[in-house]
Amino acid sequence: MQEELNLNEEEIGVYSHPGGKLRELGAEELSDAELLAIIISTGTAETPAIKIAEEILAKFGSFVGMAGRRFEEFETIKGLGKVKIHRIAATLEIARRVLRAVE
């Protein structure tokens, strides 16, 4: 399910990027969009990484919905180039391997 970034003004000032929030509060405190924004790393001149992450989650519904998708499906999202798509695919594959190892 898509999680929206719901930071109050004080948190926005403290955490200008989700990486700061991750460092201070731990990964479990981040929304799916914030975690994905860290993987994406940077946005574009017009769109920050968090907004691109929210668009990805809106399109695919969740991390599970993203898994196994073709690269071309991600390329339709403005701000996602090949390197960012490769990062996402690699992260999903790592998660898949971890799950397989613990089953």
Protein backbone atom coordinates (compact mmCIF):
# COMPACT_ATOMS: atom_id res chain seq x y z
CA MET A 1 0.00 0.00 0.00
CA GLN A 2 1.28 3.49 -0.76
CA GLU A 3 2.43 5.50 2.21
CA GLU A 4 2.51 9.26 1.88
CA LEU A 5 5.20 11.41 3.40
CA ASN A 6 3.56 13.03 6.41
CA LEU A 7 6.21 15.21 8.03
CA ASN A 8 5.35 18.27 10.06
CA GLU A 9 7.25 21.53 9.47
CA GLU A 10 9.73 20.80 12.25
CA GLU A 11 10.60 17.37 10.82
CA ILE A 12 11.01 18.79 7.32
CA GLY A 13 13.62 21.19 8.66
CA VAL A 14 15.47 18.43 10.50
CA TYR A 15 15.21 15.84 7.74
CA SER A 16 15.66 17.54 4.39
CA HIS A 17 16.32 14.08 2.93
CA PRO A 18 15.05 10.73 4.22
CA GLY A 19 18.65 9.64 4.84
CA GLY A 20 18.85 11.96 7.83
CA LYS A 21 15.66 10.51 9.24
CA LEU A 22 17.02 6.99 8.66
CA ARG A 23 20.23 7.81 10.50
CA GLU A 24 18.45 9.40 13.46
CA LEU A 25 15.36 7.22 13.86
CA GLY A 26 16.18 3.95 12.08
CA ALA A 27 14.88 2.37 8.89
CA GLU A 28 11.75 1.00 10.54
CA GLU A 29 10.50 4.58 11.09
CA LEU A 30 10.57 5.47 7.38
CA SER A 31 7.62 5.19 5.02
CA ASP A 32 7.91 3.07 1.88
CA ALA A 33 8.28 6.27 -0.15
CA GLU A 34 11.12 7.50 2.05
CA LEU A 35 12.98 4.18 1.77
CA LEU A 36 12.54 4.19 -1.99
CA ALA A 37 13.70 7.82 -2.19
CA ILE A 38 16.95 6.79 -0.51
CA ILE A 39 17.48 4.12 -3.15
CA ILE A 40 16.65 6.59 -5.93
CA SER A 41 19.04 9.06 -4.29
CA THR A 42 18.34 12.19 -6.33
CA GLY A 43 15.39 13.66 -8.12
CA THR A 44 15.36 16.02 -11.06
CA ALA A 45 15.44 19.80 -11.21
CA GLU A 46 11.63 19.75 -11.16
CA THR A 47 10.87 16.72 -8.97
CA PRO A 48 12.50 15.64 -5.71
CA ALA A 49 13.32 11.96 -5.15
CA ILE A 50 10.51 11.58 -2.61
CA LYS A 51 7.90 12.63 -5.21
CA ILE A 52 9.34 10.21 -7.78
CA ALA A 53 9.19 7.47 -5.13
CA GLU A 54 5.56 8.31 -4.38
CA GLU A 55 4.76 8.13 -8.10
CA ILE A 56 6.39 4.70 -8.38
CA LEU A 57 4.40 3.40 -5.43
CA ALA A 58 1.20 4.91 -6.80
CA LYS A 59 1.79 3.16 -10.12
CA PHE A 60 2.71 -0.27 -8.73
CA GLY A 61 0.89 -0.19 -5.39
CA SER A 62 3.71 -1.49 -3.19
CA PHE A 63 7.18 -3.00 -3.18
CA VAL A 64 5.56 -6.36 -3.93
CA GLY A 65 3.81 -4.78 -6.91
CA MET A 66 7.17 -3.50 -8.13
CA ALA A 67 8.84 -6.90 -7.98
CA GLY A 68 9.31 -8.71 -11.26
CA ARG A 69 8.31 -5.73 -13.41
CA ARG A 70 10.07 -5.09 -16.68
CA PHE A 71 12.48 -2.16 -16.91
CA GLU A 72 10.27 -0.59 -19.56
CA GLU A 73 7.43 -0.23 -17.06
CA PHE A 74 9.64 1.91 -14.83
CA GLU A 75 10.95 3.98 -17.74
CA THR A 76 7.51 5.57 -18.14
CA ILE A 77 8.04 7.44 -14.85
CA LYS A 78 9.62 10.84 -15.39
CA GLY A 79 12.85 11.18 -13.45
CA LEU A 80 13.78 7.50 -13.56
CA GLY A 81 16.75 6.71 -15.73
CA LYS A 82 18.53 3.42 -16.24
CA VAL A 83 20.83 3.78 -13.22
CA LYS A 84 17.94 4.45 -10.83
CA ILE A 85 15.93 1.58 -12.30
CA HIS A 86 18.96 -0.71 -11.90
CA ARG A 87 19.28 0.34 -8.24
CA ILE A 88 15.62 -0.46 -7.65
CA ALA A 89 15.90 -3.85 -9.41
CA ALA A 90 19.05 -4.74 -7.45
CA THR A 91 17.40 -3.80 -4.15
CA LEU A 92 14.34 -5.90 -4.91
CA GLU A 93 16.58 -8.84 -5.83
CA ILE A 94 18.51 -8.52 -2.57
CA ALA A 95 15.20 -8.57 -0.67
CA ARG A 96 14.10 -11.66 -2.62
CA ARG A 97 17.36 -13.47 -1.79
CA VAL A 98 17.10 -12.57 1.90
CA LEU A 99 13.56 -13.92 2.03
CA ARG A 100 14.62 -17.10 0.28
CA ALA A 101 17.50 -17.59 2.73
CA VAL A 102 15.32 -17.23 5.84
CA GLU A 103 12.49 -19.47 4.66
